[in-house]
C-alpha atoms as a PDB file:
ATOM      1  CA  THR A   1     172.802 -32.205 -14.377  1.00  0.00           C
ATOM      2  CA  SER A   2     170.551 -30.338 -11.710  1.00  0.00           C
ATOM      3  CA  LEU A   3     168.406 -27.735 -11.753  1.00  0.00           C
ATOM      4  CA  PRO A   4     169.351 -24.018 -10.017  1.00  0.00           C
ATOM      5  CA  PRO A   5     167.723 -23.610  -6.892  1.00  0.00           C
ATOM      6  CA  HIS A   6     165.695 -20.513  -7.958  1.00  0.00           C
ATOM      7  CA  LEU A   7     164.139 -22.517 -10.738  1.00  0.00           C
ATOM      8  CA  ILE A   8     163.177 -25.545  -8.545  1.00  0.00           C
ATOM      9  CA  ARG A   9     161.398 -22.884  -6.484  1.00  0.00           C
ATOM     10  CA  GLN A  10     159.602 -21.273  -9.219  1.00  0.00           C
ATOM     11  CA  ILE A  11     158.417 -24.705 -10.679  1.00  0.00           C
ATOM     12  CA  SER A  12     157.265 -25.660  -7.121  1.00  0.00           C
ATOM     13  CA  LEU A  13     155.230 -22.639  -6.749  1.00  0.00           C
ATOM     14  CA  LEU A  14     153.670 -23.193 -10.151  1.00  0.00           C
ATOM     15  CA  VAL A  15     152.904 -26.927  -9.447  1.00  0.00           C
ATOM     16  CA  GLY A  16     151.636 -26.298  -6.358  1.00  0.00           C
ATOM     17  CA  SER A  17     149.377 -23.205  -7.206  1.00  0.00           C
ATOM     18  CA  GLN A  18     147.858 -25.501 -10.100  1.00  0.00           C
ATOM     19  CA  LEU A  19     147.374 -28.442  -7.868  1.00  0.00           C
ATOM     20  CA  MET A  20     145.543 -26.226  -5.380  1.00  0.00           C
ATOM     21  CA  LEU A  21     143.533 -24.825  -8.152  1.00  0.00           C
ATOM     22  CA  ASN A  22     142.478 -28.007  -9.548  1.00  0.00           C
ATOM     23  CA  ILE A  23     141.621 -29.303  -6.241  1.00  0.00           C
ATOM     24  CA  GLY A  24     139.459 -26.541  -5.777  1.00  0.00           C
ATOM     25  CA  VAL A  25     137.684 -26.639  -8.989  1.00  0.00           C
ATOM     26  CA  SER A  26     137.344 -30.588  -8.691  1.00  0.00           C
ATOM     27  CA  GLN A  27     135.396 -30.289  -5.209  1.00  0.00           C
ATOM     28  CA  VAL A  28     132.808 -28.199  -6.721  1.00  0.00           C
ATOM     29  CA  VAL A  29     132.024 -30.514  -9.801  1.00  0.00           C
ATOM     30  CA  PRO A  30     130.759 -33.573  -7.945  1.00  0.00           C
ATOM     31  CA  VAL A  31     128.235 -31.561  -5.664  1.00  0.00           C
ATOM     32  CA  LEU A  32     127.018 -29.302  -8.532  1.00  0.00           C
ATOM     33  CA  PRO A  33     124.491 -31.756  -9.818  1.00  0.00           C
ATOM     34  CA  LEU A  34     122.749 -31.604  -6.398  1.00  0.00           C
ATOM     35  CA  PHE A  35     122.835 -28.132  -6.247  1.00  0.00           C
ATOM     36  CA  ALA A  36     121.376 -27.879  -9.854  1.00  0.00           C
ATOM     37  CA  SER A  37     118.540 -30.438  -8.668  1.00  0.00           C
ATOM     38  CA  GLU A  38     117.639 -28.349  -5.692  1.00  0.00           C
ATOM     39  CA  MET A  39     117.456 -25.111  -8.110  1.00  0.00           C
ATOM     40  CA  GLY A  40     115.028 -27.283 -10.485  1.00  0.00           C
ATOM     41  CA  LEU A  41     118.000 -27.540 -13.475  1.00  0.00           C
ATOM     42  CA  GLY A  42     118.041 -30.799 -15.556  1.00  0.00           C
ATOM     43  CA  ALA A  43     120.763 -32.284 -17.111  1.00  0.00           C
ATOM     44  CA  SER A  44     121.050 -29.502 -19.573  1.00  0.00           C
ATOM     45  CA  GLY A  45     121.412 -26.936 -16.876  1.00  0.00           C
ATOM     46  CA  VAL A  46     124.119 -29.006 -15.038  1.00  0.00           C
ATOM     47  CA  GLY A  47     126.060 -29.577 -18.539  1.00  0.00           C
ATOM     48  CA  LEU A  48     126.011 -25.795 -18.998  1.00  0.00           C
ATOM     49  CA  LEU A  49     127.218 -25.197 -15.590  1.00  0.00           C
ATOM     50  CA  VAL A  50     130.215 -27.528 -15.856  1.00  0.00           C
ATOM     51  CA  ALA A  51     131.264 -26.259 -19.501  1.00  0.00           C
ATOM     52  CA  LEU A  52     131.043 -22.606 -18.833  1.00  0.00           C
ATOM     53  CA  PRO A  53     134.610 -22.599 -17.556  1.00  0.00           C
ATOM     54  CA  SER A  54     136.185 -24.513 -20.345  1.00  0.00           C
ATOM     55  CA  ALA A  55     134.092 -22.294 -22.885  1.00  0.00           C
ATOM     56  CA  ALA A  56     135.292 -19.363 -21.118  1.00  0.00           C
ATOM     57  CA  SER A  57     138.981 -20.446 -21.163  1.00  0.00           C
ATOM     58  CA  THR A  58     138.773 -21.333 -25.008  1.00  0.00           C
ATOM     59  CA  ILE A  59     137.614 -17.883 -25.865  1.00  0.00           C
ATOM     60  CA  SER A  60     139.815 -15.873 -23.779  1.00  0.00           C
ATOM     61  CA  SER A  61     143.258 -17.694 -24.438  1.00  0.00           C
ATOM     62  CA  ILE A  62     144.238 -16.009 -27.582  1.00  0.00           C
ATOM     63  CA  PRO A  63     143.742 -12.372 -26.023  1.00  0.00           C
ATOM     64  CA  LEU A  64     145.139 -13.563 -22.583  1.00  0.00           C
ATOM     65  CA  GLY A  65     148.005 -14.954 -24.511  1.00  0.00           C
ATOM     66  CA  ARG A  66     148.614 -11.603 -26.180  1.00  0.00           C
ATOM     67  CA  ALA A  67     148.077  -9.924 -22.791  1.00  0.00           C
ATOM     68  CA  VAL A  68     150.914 -11.675 -21.427  1.00  0.00           C
ATOM     69  CA  ASP A  69     153.374 -10.460 -24.277  1.00  0.00           C
ATOM     70  CA  THR A  70     152.564  -7.001 -22.871  1.00  0.00           C
ATOM     71  CA  ILE A  71     151.723  -6.869 -19.415  1.00  0.00           C
ATOM     72  CA  GLY A  72     153.981 -10.039 -18.236  1.00  0.00           C
ATOM     73  CA  ARG A  73     153.631 -13.422 -16.872  1.00  0.00           C
ATOM     74  CA  VAL A  74     153.485 -12.713 -13.402  1.00  0.00           C
ATOM     75  CA  PRO A  75     150.753 -10.247 -13.007  1.00  0.00           C
ATOM     76  CA  LEU A  76     148.623 -12.045 -15.115  1.00  0.00           C
ATOM     77  CA  MET A  77     149.000 -15.150 -13.038  1.00  0.00           C
ATOM     78  CA  ARG A  78     148.212 -13.107 -10.034  1.00  0.00           C
ATOM     79  CA  ILE A  79     144.942 -11.702 -11.696  1.00  0.00           C
ATOM     80  CA  GLY A  80     144.161 -15.322 -12.767  1.00  0.00           C
ATOM     81  CA  THR A  81     144.432 -16.662  -9.448  1.00  0.00           C
ATOM     82  CA  LEU A  82     142.145 -13.933  -7.909  1.00  0.00           C
ATOM     83  CA  THR A  83     139.611 -14.244 -10.605  1.00  0.00           C
ATOM     84  CA  THR A  84     139.206 -17.798 -10.014  1.00  0.00           C
ATOM     85  CA  ALA A  85     138.996 -17.625  -6.324  1.00  0.00           C
ATOM     86  CA  LEU A  86     136.361 -14.658  -7.003  1.00  0.00           C
ATOM     87  CA  GLY A  87     134.473 -17.205  -9.443  1.00  0.00           C
ATOM     88  CA  SER A  88     134.716 -20.023  -7.012  1.00  0.00           C
ATOM     89  CA  ILE A  89     133.296 -17.861  -4.027  1.00  0.00           C
ATOM     90  CA  GLY A  90     130.546 -16.474  -6.481  1.00  0.00           C
ATOM     91  CA  THR A  91     129.618 -19.730  -7.342  1.00  0.00           C
ATOM     92  CA  GLY A  92     129.142 -20.981  -3.882  1.00  0.00           C
ATOM     93  CA  LEU A  93     127.263 -17.711  -2.941  1.00  0.00           C
ATOM     94  CA  LEU A  94     124.873 -17.690  -5.592  1.00  0.00           C
ATOM     95  CA  MET A  95     123.995 -21.405  -6.033  1.00  0.00           C
ATOM     96  CA  SER A  96     120.546 -20.566  -4.695  1.00  0.00           C
ATOM     97  CA  LYS A  97     119.769 -17.437  -7.122  1.00  0.00           C
ATOM     98  CA  GLY A  98     119.125 -19.697 -10.192  1.00  0.00           C
ATOM     99  CA  LEU A  99     120.984 -20.438 -13.449  1.00  0.00           C
ATOM    100  CA  GLY A 100     121.463 -16.665 -14.511  1.00  0.00           C
ATOM    101  CA  MET A 101     123.231 -15.786 -11.578  1.00  0.00           C
ATOM    102  CA  VAL A 102     125.389 -18.931 -11.048  1.00  0.00           C
ATOM    103  CA  ALA A 103     126.567 -18.802 -14.857  1.00  0.00           C
ATOM    104  CA  LEU A 104     128.217 -15.372 -14.448  1.00  0.00           C
ATOM    105  CA  PRO A 105     130.961 -16.462 -11.690  1.00  0.00           C
ATOM    106  CA  ARG A 106     131.270 -19.728 -13.437  1.00  0.00           C
ATOM    107  CA  LEU A 107     132.810 -17.950 -16.363  1.00  0.00           C
ATOM    108  CA  LEU A 108     135.455 -16.877 -14.074  1.00  0.00           C
ATOM    109  CA  VAL A 109     136.459 -20.315 -12.823  1.00  0.00           C
END
């Protein structure tokens, strides 16, 4: 049995968007220690910058899961993609401003 064409298209879009998101996020992590050392951060600062997105994801999982039930899956997927893009751009633009300024956009990634 094969899947209907509309379902294949939806799955392809989801897989493709997740692939692009993961490629984008994984490109930041290897260079983060270099930027952090330029900012004068030690290993703890780098660890914090790497851990912040996971912490934010853990904290927001249940509230956003409830929001999916009321608002809908597609609008929240769009908002999530936009939020991640803004967080990535903010991380790049604020790397020279110090840990406090970089921590805020890292929460969005």
